[in-house]
PDB file of N, CA and C in Angstrom:
ATOM      1  N   MET A   1     -62.745-169.165  70.298  1.00  0.00           N
ATOM      2  CA  MET A   1     -62.920-169.533  71.736  1.00  0.00           C
ATOM      3  C   MET A   1     -61.764-170.358  72.176  1.00  0.00           C
ATOM      4  N   SER A   2     -61.372-170.161  73.463  1.00  0.00           N
ATOM      5  CA  SER A   2     -60.220-170.695  74.075  1.00  0.00           C
ATOM      6  C   SER A   2     -60.787-171.878  74.949  1.00  0.00           C
ATOM      7  N   MET A   3     -59.931-172.970  75.075  1.00  0.00           N
ATOM      8  CA  MET A   3     -60.164-174.196  75.977  1.00  0.00           C
ATOM      9  C   MET A   3     -58.973-174.227  76.877  1.00  0.00           C
ATOM     10  N   ILE A   4     -59.128-173.798  78.059  1.00  0.00           N
ATOM     11  CA  ILE A   4     -58.004-173.829  79.000  1.00  0.00           C
ATOM     12  C   ILE A   4     -58.414-174.854  80.047  1.00  0.00           C
ATOM     13  N   CYS A   5     -57.521-175.733  80.402  1.00  0.00           N
ATOM     14  CA  CYS A   5     -57.618-176.750  81.633  1.00  0.00           C
ATOM     15  C   CYS A   5     -56.616-176.369  82.659  1.00  0.00           C
ATOM     16  N   VAL A   6     -57.147-176.457  83.947  1.00  0.00           N
ATOM     17  CA  VAL A   6     -56.222-176.262  85.024  1.00  0.00           C
ATOM     18  C   VAL A   6     -56.277-177.385  85.961  1.00  0.00           C
ATOM     19  N   ARG A   7     -54.991-177.995  86.166  1.00  0.00           N
ATOM     20  CA  ARG A   7     -54.863-179.114  86.870  1.00  0.00           C
ATOM     21  C   ARG A   7     -54.596-178.568  88.375  1.00  0.00           C
ATOM     22  N   ILE A   8     -55.530-178.619  89.136  1.00  0.00           N
ATOM     23  CA  ILE A   8     -55.480-178.011  90.462  1.00  0.00           C
ATOM     24  C   ILE A   8     -54.739-179.041  91.479  1.00  0.00           C
ATOM     25  N   GLY A   9     -53.742-178.461  92.311  1.00  0.00           N
ATOM     26  CA  GLY A   9     -53.189-179.215  93.200  1.00  0.00           C
ATOM     27  C   GLY A   9     -54.108-179.347  94.518  1.00  0.00           C
ATOM     28  N   ARG A  10     -53.674-179.648  95.631  1.00  0.00           N
ATOM     29  CA  ARG A  10     -54.545-179.858  96.849  1.00  0.00           C
ATOM     30  C   ARG A  10     -54.864-178.615  97.395  1.00  0.00           C
ATOM     31  N   VAL A  11     -56.185-178.193  97.508  1.00  0.00           N
ATOM     32  CA  VAL A  11     -56.568-176.944  98.141  1.00  0.00           C
ATOM     33  C   VAL A  11     -57.471-177.347  99.137  1.00  0.00           C
ATOM     34  N   HIS A  12     -57.226-176.797 100.398  1.00  0.00           N
ATOM     35  CA  HIS A  12     -57.941-177.196 101.671  1.00  0.00           C
ATOM     36  C   HIS A  12     -58.751-175.967 102.311  1.00  0.00           C
ATOM     37  N   GLU A  13     -59.957-176.233 102.936  1.00  0.00           N
ATOM     38  CA  GLU A  13     -60.697-175.217 103.550  1.00  0.00           C
ATOM     39  C   GLU A  13     -59.684-174.450 104.471  1.00  0.00           C
ATOM     40  N   GLY A  14     -58.781-175.137 105.252  1.00  0.00           N
ATOM     41  CA  GLY A  14     -58.077-174.467 106.209  1.00  0.00           C
ATOM     42  C   GLY A  14     -56.783-173.760 105.542  1.00  0.00           C
ATOM     43  N   ASP A  15     -56.686-173.828 104.294  1.00  0.00           N
ATOM     44  CA  ASP A  15     -55.606-173.005 103.529  1.00  0.00           C
ATOM     45  C   ASP A  15     -54.246-173.254 104.074  1.00  0.00           C
ATOM     46  N   ARG A  16     -53.982-174.619 104.328  1.00  0.00           N
ATOM     47  CA  ARG A  16     -52.637-175.039 104.652  1.00  0.00           C
ATOM     48  C   ARG A  16     -52.549-176.580 104.290  1.00  0.00           C
ATOM     49  N   PRO A  17     -51.251-177.088 104.162  1.00  0.00           N
ATOM     50  CA  PRO A  17     -51.024-178.334 103.940  1.00  0.00           C
ATOM     51  C   PRO A  17     -51.631-179.284 104.969  1.00  0.00           C
ATOM     52  N   ALA A  18     -52.296-180.364 104.814  1.00  0.00           N
ATOM     53  CA  ALA A  18     -53.023-181.195 105.705  1.00  0.00           C
ATOM     54  C   ALA A  18     -52.275-182.606 105.798  1.00  0.00           C
ATOM     55  N   SER A  19     -51.435-183.051 104.972  1.00  0.00           N
ATOM     56  CA  SER A  19     -50.665-184.244 104.904  1.00  0.00           C
ATOM     57  C   SER A  19     -49.263-184.038 104.581  1.00  0.00           C
ATOM     58  N   VAL A  20     -48.549-185.119 104.618  1.00  0.00           N
ATOM     59  CA  VAL A  20     -47.313-185.088 104.181  1.00  0.00           C
ATOM     60  C   VAL A  20     -47.083-184.866 102.651  1.00  0.00           C
ATOM     61  N   ARG A  21     -48.042-185.492 101.979  1.00  0.00           N
ATOM     62  CA  ARG A  21     -47.969-185.499 100.447  1.00  0.00           C
ATOM     63  C   ARG A  21     -48.454-184.095  99.905  1.00  0.00           C
ATOM     64  N   ASP A  22     -48.930-183.317 100.788  1.00  0.00           N
ATOM     65  CA  ASP A  22     -49.371-181.991 100.475  1.00  0.00           C
ATOM     66  C   ASP A  22     -48.244-181.109 100.325  1.00  0.00           C
ATOM     67  N   PHE A  23     -47.089-181.402 100.898  1.00  0.00           N
ATOM     68  CA  PHE A  23     -45.980-180.490 100.730  1.00  0.00           C
ATOM     69  C   PHE A  23     -45.391-180.572  99.300  1.00  0.00           C
ATOM     70  N   SER A  24     -45.780-181.267  98.457  1.00  0.00           N
ATOM     71  CA  SER A  24     -45.444-181.381  97.063  1.00  0.00           C
ATOM     72  C   SER A  24     -46.611-180.776  96.255  1.00  0.00           C
ATOM     73  N   VAL A  25     -47.845-181.068  96.394  1.00  0.00           N
ATOM     74  CA  VAL A  25     -48.998-180.658  95.704  1.00  0.00           C
ATOM     75  C   VAL A  25     -50.010-179.583  96.168  1.00  0.00           C
ATOM     76  N   TRP A  26     -49.729-179.062  97.293  1.00  0.00           N
ATOM     77  CA  TRP A  26     -50.548-178.081  98.000  1.00  0.00           C
ATOM     78  C   TRP A  26     -50.582-176.732  97.134  1.00  0.00           C
ATOM     79  N   CYS A  27     -51.824-176.244  96.988  1.00  0.00           N
ATOM     80  CA  CYS A  27     -52.193-174.906  96.267  1.00  0.00           C
ATOM     81  C   CYS A  27     -52.892-174.121  97.254  1.00  0.00           C
ATOM     82  N   SER A  28     -52.426-172.844  97.575  1.00  0.00           N
ATOM     83  CA  SER A  28     -53.058-171.967  98.623  1.00  0.00           C
ATOM     84  C   SER A  28     -54.255-171.505  97.812  1.00  0.00           C
ATOM     85  N   GLN A  29     -55.298-171.081  98.567  1.00  0.00           N
ATOM     86  CA  GLN A  29     -56.446-170.394  98.081  1.00  0.00           C
ATOM     87  C   GLN A  29     -56.074-169.240  97.168  1.00  0.00           C
ATOM     88  N   ARG A  30     -55.126-168.389  97.765  1.00  0.00           N
ATOM     89  CA  ARG A  30     -54.697-167.184  97.078  1.00  0.00           C
ATOM     90  C   ARG A  30     -54.036-167.534  95.716  1.00  0.00           C
ATOM     91  N   ASP A  31     -53.162-168.660  95.715  1.00  0.00           N
ATOM     92  CA  ASP A  31     -52.564-169.013  94.272  1.00  0.00           C
ATOM     93  C   ASP A  31     -53.543-169.635  93.345  1.00  0.00           C
ATOM     94  N   GLU A  32     -54.538-170.234  93.855  1.00  0.00           N
ATOM     95  CA  GLU A  32     -55.504-170.850  92.989  1.00  0.00           C
ATOM     96  C   GLU A  32     -56.445-169.717  92.409  1.00  0.00           C
ATOM     97  N   VAL A  33     -56.922-168.876  93.138  1.00  0.00           N
ATOM     98  CA  VAL A  33     -57.577-167.663  92.574  1.00  0.00           C
ATOM     99  C   VAL A  33     -56.860-166.906  91.604  1.00  0.00           C
ATOM    100  N   SER A  34     -55.659-166.440  91.891  1.00  0.00           N
ATOM    101  CA  SER A  34     -54.810-165.753  90.867  1.00  0.00           C
ATOM    102  C   SER A  34     -54.569-166.622  89.571  1.00  0.00           C
ATOM    103  N   MET A  35     -54.421-167.965  89.744  1.00  0.00           N
ATOM    104  CA  MET A  35     -54.360-168.763  88.599  1.00  0.00           C
ATOM    105  C   MET A  35     -55.484-168.759  87.629  1.00  0.00           C
ATOM    106  N   ILE A  36     -56.752-168.810  88.294  1.00  0.00           N
ATOM    107  CA  ILE A  36     -57.979-168.728  87.573  1.00  0.00           C
ATOM    108  C   ILE A  36     -58.053-167.372  86.845  1.00  0.00           C
ATOM    109  N   LEU A  37     -57.853-166.348  87.623  1.00  0.00           N
ATOM    110  CA  LEU A  37     -57.984-164.964  87.005  1.00  0.00           C
ATOM    111  C   LEU A  37     -57.041-164.884  85.802  1.00  0.00           C
ATOM    112  N   ARG A  38     -55.867-165.475  85.947  1.00  0.00           N
ATOM    113  CA  ARG A  38     -54.821-165.291  84.758  1.00  0.00           C
ATOM    114  C   ARG A  38     -55.497-166.195  83.525  1.00  0.00           C
ATOM    115  N   CYS A  39     -56.058-167.242  83.879  1.00  0.00           N
ATOM    116  CA  CYS A  39     -56.716-168.120  82.687  1.00  0.00           C
ATOM    117  C   CYS A  39     -57.811-167.322  82.005  1.00  0.00           C
ATOM    118  N   LEU A  40     -58.613-166.678  82.906  1.00  0.00           N
ATOM    119  CA  LEU A  40     -59.675-165.753  82.369  1.00  0.00           C
ATOM    120  C   LEU A  40     -59.217-164.620  81.417  1.00  0.00           C
ATOM    121  N   GLN A  41     -58.078-164.188  81.891  1.00  0.00           N
ATOM    122  CA  GLN A  41     -57.473-163.067  81.074  1.00  0.00           C
ATOM    123  C   GLN A  41     -56.427-163.468  80.141  1.00  0.00           C
ATOM    124  N   ALA A  42     -56.366-164.760  79.804  1.00  0.00           N
ATOM    125  CA  ALA A  42     -55.289-165.293  78.994  1.00  0.00           C
ATOM    126  C   ALA A  42     -55.395-164.463  77.453  1.00  0.00           C
ATOM    127  N   PRO A  43     -54.245-164.466  76.799  1.00  0.00           N
ATOM    128  CA  PRO A  43     -54.294-163.685  75.609  1.00  0.00           C
ATOM    129  C   PRO A  43     -54.968-164.530  74.635  1.00  0.00           C
ATOM    130  N   ALA A  44     -55.667-163.835  73.489  1.00  0.00           N
ATOM    131  CA  ALA A  44     -56.376-164.473  72.544  1.00  0.00           C
ATOM    132  C   ALA A  44     -55.533-165.644  71.871  1.00  0.00           C
ATOM    133  N   SER A  45     -54.291-165.576  71.704  1.00  0.00           N
ATOM    134  CA  SER A  45     -53.383-166.537  70.983  1.00  0.00           C
ATOM    135  C   SER A  45     -53.518-167.865  71.818  1.00  0.00           C
ATOM    136  N   VAL A  46     -53.864-167.871  73.103  1.00  0.00           N
ATOM    137  CA  VAL A  46     -54.051-169.230  73.751  1.00  0.00           C
ATOM    138  C   VAL A  46     -55.270-169.791  73.367  1.00  0.00           C
ATOM    139  N   ARG A  47     -55.282-170.754  72.421  1.00  0.00           N
ATOM    140  CA  ARG A  47     -56.536-171.412  71.995  1.00  0.00           C
ATOM    141  C   ARG A  47     -56.722-172.665  72.893  1.00  0.00           C
ATOM    142  N   PHE A  48     -55.840-173.336  73.132  1.00  0.00           N
ATOM    143  CA  PHE A  48     -56.022-174.605  73.952  1.00  0.00           C
ATOM    144  C   PHE A  48     -54.669-174.799  74.771  1.00  0.00           C
ATOM    145  N   ASP A  49     -54.703-175.014  76.160  1.00  0.00           N
ATOM    146  CA  ASP A  49     -53.705-175.205  76.883  1.00  0.00           C
ATOM    147  C   ASP A  49     -54.043-175.887  78.232  1.00  0.00           C
ATOM    148  N   VAL A  50     -53.129-176.668  78.852  1.00  0.00           N
ATOM    149  CA  VAL A  50     -53.249-177.101  80.145  1.00  0.00           C
ATOM    150  C   VAL A  50     -52.136-176.679  81.071  1.00  0.00           C
ATOM    151  N   PHE A  51     -52.678-176.236  82.333  1.00  0.00           N
ATOM    152  CA  PHE A  51     -51.661-175.512  83.242  1.00  0.00           C
ATOM    153  C   PHE A  51     -51.856-176.405  84.644  1.00  0.00           C
ATOM    154  N   PHE A  52     -50.832-176.629  85.263  1.00  0.00           N
ATOM    155  CA  PHE A  52     -50.731-177.163  86.651  1.00  0.00           C
ATOM    156  C   PHE A  52     -50.721-176.023  87.560  1.00  0.00           C
ATOM    157  N   ALA A  53     -51.482-176.072  88.570  1.00  0.00           N
ATOM    158  CA  ALA A  53     -51.677-175.017  89.671  1.00  0.00           C
ATOM    159  C   ALA A  53     -51.225-175.637  91.098  1.00  0.00           C
ATOM    160  N   THR A  54     -50.051-175.305  91.485  1.00  0.00           N
ATOM    161  CA  THR A  54     -49.592-175.581  92.840  1.00  0.00           C
ATOM    162  C   THR A  54     -48.954-174.366  93.345  1.00  0.00           C
ATOM    163  N   SER A  55     -48.797-174.302  94.559  1.00  0.00           N
ATOM    164  CA  SER A  55     -48.012-173.233  95.288  1.00  0.00           C
ATOM    165  C   SER A  55     -46.380-173.507  95.005  1.00  0.00           C
ATOM    166  N   ASP A  56     -45.743-172.622  95.300  1.00  0.00           N
ATOM    167  CA  ASP A  56     -44.231-172.644  95.042  1.00  0.00           C
ATOM    168  C   ASP A  56     -43.635-173.536  96.108  1.00  0.00           C
ATOM    169  N   ASN A  57     -43.831-174.918  96.054  1.00  0.00           N
ATOM    170  CA  ASN A  57     -43.482-175.779  97.096  1.00  0.00           C
ATOM    171  C   ASN A  57     -42.030-176.291  96.793  1.00  0.00           C
ATOM    172  N   ARG A  58     -41.228-176.475  97.712  1.00  0.00           N
ATOM    173  CA  ARG A  58     -39.821-176.950  97.606  1.00  0.00           C
ATOM    174  C   ARG A  58     -39.946-178.306  97.008  1.00  0.00           C
ATOM    175  N   TRP A  59     -40.861-179.274  97.295  1.00  0.00           N
ATOM    176  CA  TRP A  59     -40.987-180.545  96.783  1.00  0.00           C
ATOM    177  C   TRP A  59     -41.793-180.691  95.492  1.00  0.00           C
ATOM    178  N   ASN A  60     -42.223-179.570  94.947  1.00  0.00           N
ATOM    179  CA  ASN A  60     -43.054-179.718  93.785  1.00  0.00           C
ATOM    180  C   ASN A  60     -42.421-180.448  92.594  1.00  0.00           C
ATOM    181  N   TYR A  61     -43.297-181.325  91.925  1.00  0.00           N
ATOM    182  CA  TYR A  61     -42.872-181.991  90.774  1.00  0.00           C
ATOM    183  C   TYR A  61     -43.678-181.591  89.561  1.00  0.00           C
ATOM    184  N   ARG A  62     -44.393-180.608  89.751  1.00  0.00           N
ATOM    185  CA  ARG A  62     -45.164-180.148  88.470  1.00  0.00           C
ATOM    186  C   ARG A  62     -44.430-179.015  87.725  1.00  0.00           C
ATOM    187  N   ASP A  63     -44.653-178.730  86.454  1.00  0.00           N
ATOM    188  CA  ASP A  63     -44.046-177.816  85.717  1.00  0.00           C
ATOM    189  C   ASP A  63     -44.726-176.384  85.917  1.00  0.00           C
ATOM    190  N   LEU A  64     -44.179-175.540  86.658  1.00  0.00           N
ATOM    191  CA  LEU A  64     -44.741-174.168  86.907  1.00  0.00           C
ATOM    192  C   LEU A  64     -44.183-173.178  85.977  1.00  0.00           C
ATOM    193  N   ASP A  65     -43.154-173.598  85.234  1.00  0.00           N
ATOM    194  CA  ASP A  65     -42.536-172.579  84.254  1.00  0.00           C
ATOM    195  C   ASP A  65     -43.505-172.403  83.029  1.00  0.00           C
ATOM    196  N   HIS A  66     -44.433-173.363  82.702  1.00  0.00           N
ATOM    197  CA  HIS A  66     -45.294-173.174  81.552  1.00  0.00           C
ATOM    198  C   HIS A  66     -46.372-172.178  82.040  1.00  0.00           C
ATOM    199  N   PRO A  67     -47.009-172.057  82.985  1.00  0.00           N
ATOM    200  CA  PRO A  67     -47.850-171.016  83.243  1.00  0.00           C
ATOM    201  C   PRO A  67     -47.263-169.576  83.479  1.00  0.00           C
ATOM    202  N   LYS A  68     -46.109-169.796  84.011  1.00  0.00           N
ATOM    203  CA  LYS A  68     -45.344-168.431  84.208  1.00  0.00           C
ATOM    204  C   LYS A  68     -45.107-167.679  82.837  1.00  0.00           C
ATOM    205  N   THR A  69     -44.674-168.700  81.880  1.00  0.00           N
ATOM    206  CA  THR A  69     -44.257-168.246  80.476  1.00  0.00           C
ATOM    207  C   THR A  69     -45.552-167.768  79.747  1.00  0.00           C
ATOM    208  N   VAL A  70     -46.491-168.505  79.662  1.00  0.00           N
ATOM    209  CA  VAL A  70     -47.736-168.249  78.846  1.00  0.00           C
ATOM    210  C   VAL A  70     -48.804-167.246  79.508  1.00  0.00           C
ATOM    211  N   LEU A  71     -48.917-167.378  80.863  1.00  0.00           N
ATOM    212  CA  LEU A  71     -49.861-166.541  81.531  1.00  0.00           C
ATOM    213  C   LEU A  71     -49.352-165.361  82.496  1.00  0.00           C
ATOM    214  N   GLY A  72     -47.974-165.594  82.698  1.00  0.00           N
ATOM    215  CA  GLY A  72     -47.386-164.605  83.694  1.00  0.00           C
ATOM    216  C   GLY A  72     -47.834-164.824  85.070  1.00  0.00           C
ATOM    217  N   TRP A  73     -48.139-166.088  85.325  1.00  0.00           N
ATOM    218  CA  TRP A  73     -48.694-166.392  86.579  1.00  0.00           C
ATOM    219  C   TRP A  73     -47.433-166.980  87.473  1.00  0.00           C
ATOM    220  N   THR A  74     -47.317-166.501  88.591  1.00  0.00           N
ATOM    221  CA  THR A  74     -46.297-166.952  89.682  1.00  0.00           C
ATOM    222  C   THR A  74     -46.890-167.117  90.990  1.00  0.00           C
ATOM    223  N   PRO A  75     -46.864-168.378  91.394  1.00  0.00           N
ATOM    224  CA  PRO A  75     -47.435-168.510  92.906  1.00  0.00           C
ATOM    225  C   PRO A  75     -46.650-167.709  93.861  1.00  0.00           C
ATOM    226  N   LEU A  76     -47.244-167.392  94.994  1.00  0.00           N
ATOM    227  CA  LEU A  76     -46.904-166.481  96.006  1.00  0.00           C
ATOM    228  C   LEU A  76     -46.590-167.484  97.237  1.00  0.00           C
ATOM    229  N   ASP A  77     -47.288-168.519  97.482  1.00  0.00           N
ATOM    230  CA  ASP A  77     -47.265-169.265  98.798  1.00  0.00           C
ATOM    231  C   ASP A  77     -46.310-170.476  98.644  1.00  0.00           C
ATOM    232  N   HIS A  78     -45.978-170.946  99.843  1.00  0.00           N
ATOM    233  CA  HIS A  78     -45.062-172.100  99.967  1.00  0.00           C
ATOM    234  C   HIS A  78     -45.594-173.144 101.087  1.00  0.00           C
ATOM    235  N   ALA A  79     -45.665-174.260 100.779  1.00  0.00           N
ATOM    236  CA  ALA A  79     -46.127-175.298 101.760  1.00  0.00           C
ATOM    237  C   ALA A  79     -45.099-175.324 102.822  1.00  0.00           C
ATOM    238  N   GLU A  80     -43.823-175.217 102.681  1.00  0.00           N
ATOM    239  CA  GLU A  80     -42.837-175.338 103.779  1.00  0.00           C
ATOM    240  C   GLU A  80     -43.097-174.315 104.879  1.00  0.00           C
ATOM    241  N   ASP A  81     -43.708-173.177 104.479  1.00  0.00           N
ATOM    242  CA  ASP A  81     -44.052-172.288 105.565  1.00  0.00           C
ATOM    243  C   ASP A  81     -44.889-172.846 106.715  1.00  0.00           C
ATOM    244  N   TYR A  82     -45.379-173.854 106.456  1.00  0.00           N
ATOM    245  CA  TYR A  82     -46.317-174.503 107.464  1.00  0.00           C
ATOM    246  C   TYR A  82     -45.739-175.873 108.054  1.00  0.00           C
ATOM    247  N   ARG A  83     -44.607-176.246 107.663  1.00  0.00           N
ATOM    248  CA  ARG A  83     -43.971-177.386 108.279  1.00  0.00           C
ATOM    249  C   ARG A  83     -43.631-177.086 109.767  1.00  0.00           C
ATOM    250  N   SER A  84     -43.918-178.029 110.659  1.00  0.00           N
ATOM    251  CA  SER A  84     -43.566-177.829 112.035  1.00  0.00           C
ATOM    252  C   SER A  84     -42.357-178.538 112.400  1.00  0.00           C
TER     253      SER A  84
END
């Protein structure tokens, strides 16, 4: 049995960053759903792991290379697309 933990960034009902801090930690609903699906489909070799889930944000400080390598997950959205 696998134990996978997902550290979720900021997800909002409006599906867009809501504060200045969100430009580093925001995760779109689409990216969050795709991360959860990848975790559910994780290879049997993944017995325990922790993944950070944020969108592909310019000011991101979380390691997104790890879920890309282990799960093949790549976020599609960018907080910067909502900067005014």
